[in-house]
Amino acid sequence: MALSGGQNDRAPAACPAWMSARLAKGRFPQTPKDPREGRKSHSSVKRQRKTQRLNVAYEASEGETGEGAEHLQAPGWEPRDWQQQLENIRTMRSGKDAPVDQLGAEHCYDLSAPPKQVQRYQVLLSLMLSSQTKDQVTAGAMQRLRAQGLTVDSILQTDDSTLGTLIYPVGFWRNKVKYIKQTSAILQQRYGGDIPASVAELVALPGVGPKMAHLAMAVAWGTVSGIAVDTHVHRIANRLKWTKKATKSPEATRTALEEWLPRELWSEINGLLVGFGQQTCLPIHPRCQACLNRALCPAAQGL
């Protein structure tokens, strides 16, 4: 007797004839193909995009502090090699033996003259005399004035002829007699014999320019209000190309210097460059061979 294996052991039923015919003719849908099949195969090519590096400066918002808060500023213009040039000038000026070191405005007033307003007045007067005048000549004129008792009242009581004799031969002495008298009268009437404590008020006085005003603020009031630029500072700044473009006046040079020179150097720069201009960087025939900056100076290199 044959053993049966159940339904699973049966032979598969034959396909009906009508179904076979349809399959042969392709009338039944076949399993859909993968839509990706038959597409052209493209090799994966990454397009290269040109990128530009952007330097972005961020300002920390209020209250943003700590190690992660970096205060970044866009770099401003500054002259090439200026720090080395400045250090070389300091070295050349280390002897402090130029005329300005002994005879400048800091040395022309009477330290023992009371009250302080008299000393400040003498500082201003020495600066008014110094314009277009060598330090030695200014110091001589101040010495003669102080011997007569140099105060606002004493100047107002001195006739023009005598005052002219005392200050001669300073440059433009006749004009300076007039300016000194006018300024002294204003100081007596408006400031009680003292001098103003602001640049704006100082330059409003007859015969007082920006350079004098900034030096008066520094010497008389102990305040750094700006860079005092005279003919020496103007000349040297242009020779070293310490201005972004050539400047035609001391006041234009002052503005250009203050745009980039750190403020902590403003009080030093006048005396430093004036003495350098008196001894080495002369207006005519500068002593380039004796200058430590000869290899760094654009003017010495003909640039």
Protein backbone atom coordinates (compact mmCIF):
# COMPACT_ATOMS: atom_id res chain seq x y z
CA MET A 1 0.00 0.00 0.00
CA ALA A 2 1.42 3.30 -1.03
CA LEU A 3 1.82 6.01 1.64
CA SER A 4 0.37 9.44 0.89
CA GLY A 5 2.35 12.59 1.73
CA GLY A 6 -0.71 14.84 1.83
CA GLN A 7 -1.56 17.81 -0.36
CA ASN A 8 1.98 19.15 -0.38
CA ASP A 9 3.20 16.02 -2.08
CA ARG A 10 0.85 16.34 -4.99
CA ALA A 11 2.25 17.31 -8.42
CA PRO A 12 1.43 20.84 -9.43
CA ALA A 13 -1.67 21.25 -11.50
CA ALA A 14 -1.17 21.96 -15.16
CA CYS A 15 -1.79 25.52 -16.34
CA PRO A 16 -5.06 25.88 -18.28
CA ALA A 17 -4.65 26.26 -22.02
CA TRP A 18 -6.35 29.70 -22.19
CA MET A 19 -3.95 31.13 -19.59
CA SER A 20 -0.92 29.74 -21.37
CA ALA A 21 -2.06 31.38 -24.57
CA ARG A 22 -2.44 34.77 -22.91
CA LEU A 23 0.93 34.57 -21.26
CA ALA A 24 2.53 33.69 -24.56
CA LYS A 25 0.96 36.78 -26.16
CA GLY A 26 2.00 39.02 -23.22
CA ARG A 27 -1.55 40.03 -22.37
CA PHE A 28 -1.06 39.73 -18.62
CA PRO A 29 0.89 42.54 -17.00
CA GLN A 30 4.24 41.50 -15.76
CA THR A 31 5.87 42.62 -12.53
CA PRO A 32 6.70 46.33 -12.98
CA LYS A 33 10.31 47.11 -13.43
CA ASP A 34 12.22 49.33 -11.06
CA PRO A 35 11.72 52.83 -12.46
CA ARG A 36 15.44 53.41 -12.08
CA GLU A 37 16.18 50.56 -14.47
CA GLY A 38 16.87 51.55 -18.02
CA ARG A 39 17.99 55.07 -17.08
CA LYS A 40 21.38 56.15 -18.20
CA SER A 41 23.94 55.72 -15.55
CA HIS A 42 25.75 58.99 -14.85
CA SER A 43 28.98 59.01 -13.01
CA SER A 44 28.72 61.23 -9.95
CA VAL A 45 30.60 64.41 -10.86
CA LYS A 46 30.73 67.12 -8.25
CA ARG A 47 30.65 70.59 -9.65
CA GLN A 48 33.46 72.70 -8.29
CA ARG A 49 32.27 76.06 -7.07
CA LYS A 50 34.57 78.99 -6.72
CA THR A 51 34.59 80.24 -3.19
CA GLN A 52 35.83 83.52 -1.88
CA ARG A 53 37.28 83.99 1.55
CA LEU A 54 35.41 86.65 3.46
CA ASN A 55 36.93 88.36 6.44
CA VAL A 56 34.07 89.37 8.67
CA ALA A 57 34.50 91.47 11.77
CA TYR A 58 31.92 91.07 14.51
CA GLU A 59 31.24 93.51 17.27
CA ALA A 60 30.39 92.00 20.61
CA SER A 61 26.90 92.97 21.69
CA GLU A 62 26.23 94.63 24.99
CA GLY A 63 27.07 92.40 27.90
CA GLU A 64 28.96 89.93 25.73
CA THR A 65 32.06 89.15 27.71
CA GLY A 66 34.22 86.22 28.64
CA GLU A 67 36.78 84.09 26.88
CA GLY A 68 34.59 83.36 23.88
CA ALA A 69 33.73 86.99 23.19
CA GLU A 70 36.40 88.30 20.86
CA HIS A 71 36.29 91.96 19.88
CA LEU A 72 37.36 92.05 16.25
CA GLN A 73 37.90 95.24 14.31
CA ALA A 74 38.59 95.70 10.65
CA PRO A 75 42.26 96.62 10.27
CA GLY A 76 42.87 100.29 9.46
CA TRP A 77 45.62 101.85 7.42
CA GLU A 78 49.01 102.40 9.01
CA PRO A 79 52.40 103.30 7.52
CA ARG A 80 54.86 100.59 6.65
CA ASP A 81 57.68 100.10 9.20
CA TRP A 82 56.45 103.00 11.35
CA GLN A 83 57.13 101.25 14.65
CA GLN A 84 60.74 100.52 13.74
CA GLN A 85 61.15 104.05 12.39
CA LEU A 86 59.79 105.49 15.62
CA GLU A 87 62.07 103.32 17.73
CA ASN A 88 65.07 104.43 15.67
CA ILE A 89 64.13 108.09 16.19
CA ARG A 90 63.84 107.49 19.93
CA THR A 91 67.35 106.02 19.88
CA MET A 92 68.73 108.99 17.95
CA ARG A 93 66.97 111.40 20.34
CA SER A 94 68.00 109.62 23.54
CA GLY A 95 70.59 112.30 24.33
CA LYS A 96 67.87 114.99 24.69
CA ASP A 97 70.33 117.59 23.45
CA ALA A 98 68.34 119.36 20.74
CA PRO A 99 67.36 123.04 21.16
CA VAL A 100 63.74 122.08 21.87
CA ASP A 101 64.88 119.97 24.84
CA GLN A 102 66.31 122.98 26.67
CA LEU A 103 64.41 125.91 25.17
CA GLY A 104 60.94 124.61 24.30
CA ALA A 105 57.67 125.89 25.77
CA GLU A 106 58.14 123.64 28.82
CA HIS A 107 61.25 125.61 29.77
CA CYS A 108 60.22 129.21 29.02
CA TYR A 109 57.89 129.99 31.91
CA ASP A 110 58.72 130.89 35.50
CA LEU A 111 58.05 127.86 37.69
CA SER A 112 58.16 130.04 40.79
CA ALA A 113 55.61 132.57 39.50
CA PRO A 114 52.44 132.50 41.61
CA PRO A 115 49.62 131.87 41.02
CA LYS A 116 49.38 129.04 38.50
CA GLN A 117 47.45 131.21 36.06
CA VAL A 118 50.56 133.39 35.59
CA GLN A 119 52.57 130.32 34.63
CA ARG A 120 49.89 129.28 32.16
CA TYR A 121 49.85 132.77 30.66
CA GLN A 122 53.62 132.66 30.21
CA VAL A 123 53.34 129.27 28.48
CA LEU A 124 50.80 130.67 26.02
CA LEU A 125 52.91 133.78 25.38
CA SER A 126 56.02 131.70 24.65
CA LEU A 127 54.03 129.67 22.14
CA MET A 128 52.74 132.79 20.42
CA LEU A 129 56.31 134.05 20.09
CA SER A 130 57.62 130.71 18.81
CA SER A 131 55.81 130.76 15.47
CA GLN A 132 58.33 131.05 12.59
CA THR A 133 61.07 131.56 15.18
CA LYS A 134 64.00 129.46 16.38
CA ASP A 135 63.83 128.21 19.94
CA GLN A 136 66.93 130.18 20.93
CA VAL A 137 65.33 133.46 19.81
CA THR A 138 62.04 132.67 21.55
CA ALA A 139 63.85 131.82 24.78
CA GLY A 140 65.77 135.12 24.65
CA ALA A 141 62.58 137.14 24.17
CA MET A 142 60.86 135.33 27.04
CA GLN A 143 63.82 135.98 29.31
CA ARG A 144 63.62 139.74 28.62
CA LEU A 145 59.86 139.78 29.19
CA ARG A 146 60.10 137.85 32.45
CA ALA A 147 62.73 140.27 33.73
CA GLN A 148 60.04 142.99 33.50
CA GLY A 149 57.50 140.88 35.39
CA LEU A 150 55.48 138.91 32.88
CA THR A 151 51.77 138.99 33.73
CA VAL A 152 48.62 139.96 31.87
CA ASP A 153 48.53 143.30 33.69
CA SER A 154 52.20 144.10 33.04
CA ILE A 155 51.84 143.44 29.32
CA LEU A 156 48.73 145.62 29.07
CA GLN A 157 50.62 148.43 30.80
CA THR A 158 53.59 148.16 28.39
CA ASP A 159 53.43 150.38 25.31
CA ASP A 160 53.70 148.79 21.88
CA SER A 161 57.13 150.23 21.14
CA THR A 162 58.66 148.85 24.34
CA LEU A 163 56.99 145.48 23.84
CA GLY A 164 58.36 145.34 20.29
CA THR A 165 61.87 146.04 21.56
CA LEU A 166 61.58 143.27 24.15
CA ILE A 167 60.45 140.56 21.74
CA TYR A 168 62.57 141.52 18.72
CA PRO A 169 63.92 139.66 16.66
CA VAL A 170 61.19 136.99 16.78
CA GLY A 171 59.55 136.33 13.42
CA PHE A 172 56.78 138.78 12.47
CA TRP A 173 57.39 140.68 15.70
CA ARG A 174 55.20 143.65 14.74
CA ASN A 175 52.16 141.41 14.23
CA LYS A 176 52.95 139.59 17.45
CA VAL A 177 52.96 142.84 19.43
CA LYS A 178 49.39 143.43 18.24
CA TYR A 179 48.26 139.83 18.91
CA ILE A 180 49.82 139.74 22.37
CA LYS A 181 48.05 142.95 23.39
CA GLN A 182 44.68 141.81 22.00
CA THR A 183 44.90 138.35 23.55
CA SER A 184 46.01 139.71 26.93
CA ALA A 185 43.02 142.07 27.01
CA ILE A 186 40.63 139.19 26.25
CA LEU A 187 42.21 137.02 28.95
CA GLN A 188 41.80 139.81 31.50
CA GLN A 189 38.19 140.53 30.58
CA ARG A 190 36.84 137.01 30.04
CA TYR A 191 39.11 134.64 31.97
CA GLY A 192 40.31 136.66 34.95
CA GLY A 193 43.89 136.70 33.66
CA ASP A 194 43.99 132.93 33.08
CA ILE A 195 43.99 131.11 29.74
CA PRO A 196 41.11 129.01 28.35
CA ALA A 197 41.09 125.28 29.04
CA SER A 198 39.86 124.13 25.62
CA VAL A 199 41.31 124.06 22.12
CA ALA A 200 38.24 125.77 20.66
CA GLU A 201 38.59 128.77 22.99
CA LEU A 202 42.36 128.95 22.58
CA VAL A 203 42.30 129.07 18.77
CA ALA A 204 39.70 131.85 18.99
CA LEU A 205 42.36 134.09 20.54
CA PRO A 206 44.27 136.43 18.18
CA GLY A 207 47.60 134.94 17.09
CA VAL A 208 46.91 131.44 18.46
CA GLY A 209 46.85 128.52 16.00
CA PRO A 210 46.06 124.81 16.42
CA LYS A 211 49.66 123.78 17.14
CA MET A 212 49.95 126.39 19.91
CA ALA A 213 46.56 125.40 21.31
CA HIS A 214 47.42 121.70 21.58
CA LEU A 215 50.81 122.47 23.15
CA ALA A 216 49.19 124.91 25.59
CA MET A 217 46.71 122.22 26.61
CA ALA A 218 49.57 119.76 27.18
CA VAL A 219 52.04 122.06 28.96
CA ALA A 220 49.73 124.47 30.79
CA TRP A 221 46.80 122.17 31.58
CA GLY A 222 48.40 118.71 31.41
CA THR A 223 45.79 117.51 28.90
CA VAL A 224 46.44 115.69 25.63
CA SER A 225 43.97 117.23 23.19
CA GLY A 226 45.69 116.38 19.91
CA ILE A 227 49.03 116.19 18.10
CA ALA A 228 50.91 119.48 17.89
CA VAL A 229 52.24 119.70 14.33
CA ASP A 230 54.78 122.34 13.40
CA THR A 231 56.98 122.63 10.33
CA HIS A 232 59.33 119.88 11.57
CA VAL A 233 56.58 117.35 12.29
CA HIS A 234 54.88 118.21 8.99
CA ARG A 235 58.09 117.70 7.00
CA ILE A 236 59.17 114.46 8.68
CA ALA A 237 55.71 112.87 8.56
CA ASN A 238 55.65 113.39 4.80
CA ARG A 239 59.20 112.16 4.27
CA LEU A 240 58.47 108.96 6.17
CA LYS A 241 55.06 108.68 4.46
CA TRP A 242 53.30 108.66 7.81
CA THR A 243 50.32 110.19 6.03
CA LYS A 244 48.13 108.15 3.68
CA LYS A 245 48.75 110.75 0.99
CA ALA A 246 50.98 113.81 0.84
CA THR A 247 49.69 116.70 2.95
CA LYS A 248 50.14 120.38 2.20
CA SER A 249 49.71 121.95 5.63
CA PRO A 250 50.54 121.17 9.26
CA GLU A 251 46.85 121.00 10.11
CA ALA A 252 46.20 118.45 7.35
CA THR A 253 49.16 116.45 8.68
CA ARG A 254 47.72 116.55 12.21
CA THR A 255 44.41 115.16 10.99
CA ALA A 256 46.16 112.42 8.99
CA LEU A 257 48.39 111.40 11.91
CA GLU A 258 45.56 111.29 14.41
CA GLU A 259 43.69 108.83 12.18
CA TRP A 260 46.16 106.02 12.84
CA LEU A 261 48.79 106.96 15.46
CA PRO A 262 47.87 105.43 18.86
CA ARG A 263 46.65 108.14 21.22
CA GLU A 264 49.16 107.20 23.90
CA LEU A 265 51.92 108.46 21.56
CA TRP A 266 50.37 111.85 20.81
CA SER A 267 52.05 113.72 23.65
CA GLU A 268 55.48 112.31 22.80
CA ILE A 269 55.53 112.79 19.06
CA ASN A 270 55.92 116.58 18.87
CA GLY A 271 59.07 116.95 20.96
CA LEU A 272 60.53 113.77 19.50
CA LEU A 273 60.15 114.84 15.87
CA VAL A 274 60.96 118.51 16.44
CA GLY A 275 64.33 117.61 17.94
CA PHE A 276 64.92 115.05 15.20
CA GLY A 277 64.17 117.73 12.63
CA GLN A 278 66.52 120.20 14.32
CA GLN A 279 69.44 117.77 14.43
CA THR A 280 69.13 115.17 11.67
CA CYS A 281 66.15 115.45 9.32
CA LEU A 282 66.95 119.03 8.32
CA PRO A 283 64.76 120.99 5.88
CA ILE A 284 67.66 121.31 3.43
CA HIS A 285 70.44 118.72 3.09
CA PRO A 286 69.11 116.23 5.66
CA ARG A 287 71.81 114.12 7.28
CA CYS A 288 70.60 110.82 5.88
CA GLN A 289 73.99 109.10 6.27
CA ALA A 290 73.80 109.63 10.04
CA CYS A 291 70.16 108.51 10.25
CA LEU A 292 69.21 105.05 11.52
CA ASN A 293 66.18 105.16 9.24
CA ARG A 294 68.11 105.65 6.00
CA ALA A 295 67.20 102.12 4.80
CA LEU A 296 63.56 102.50 5.90
CA CYS A 297 62.88 106.08 4.83
CA PRO A 298 60.96 106.45 1.55
CA ALA A 299 62.43 109.92 0.98
CA ALA A 300 66.00 108.66 1.46
CA GLN A 301 65.26 105.86 -1.00
CA GLY A 302 63.89 108.32 -3.53
CA LEU A 303 60.35 106.97 -3.22
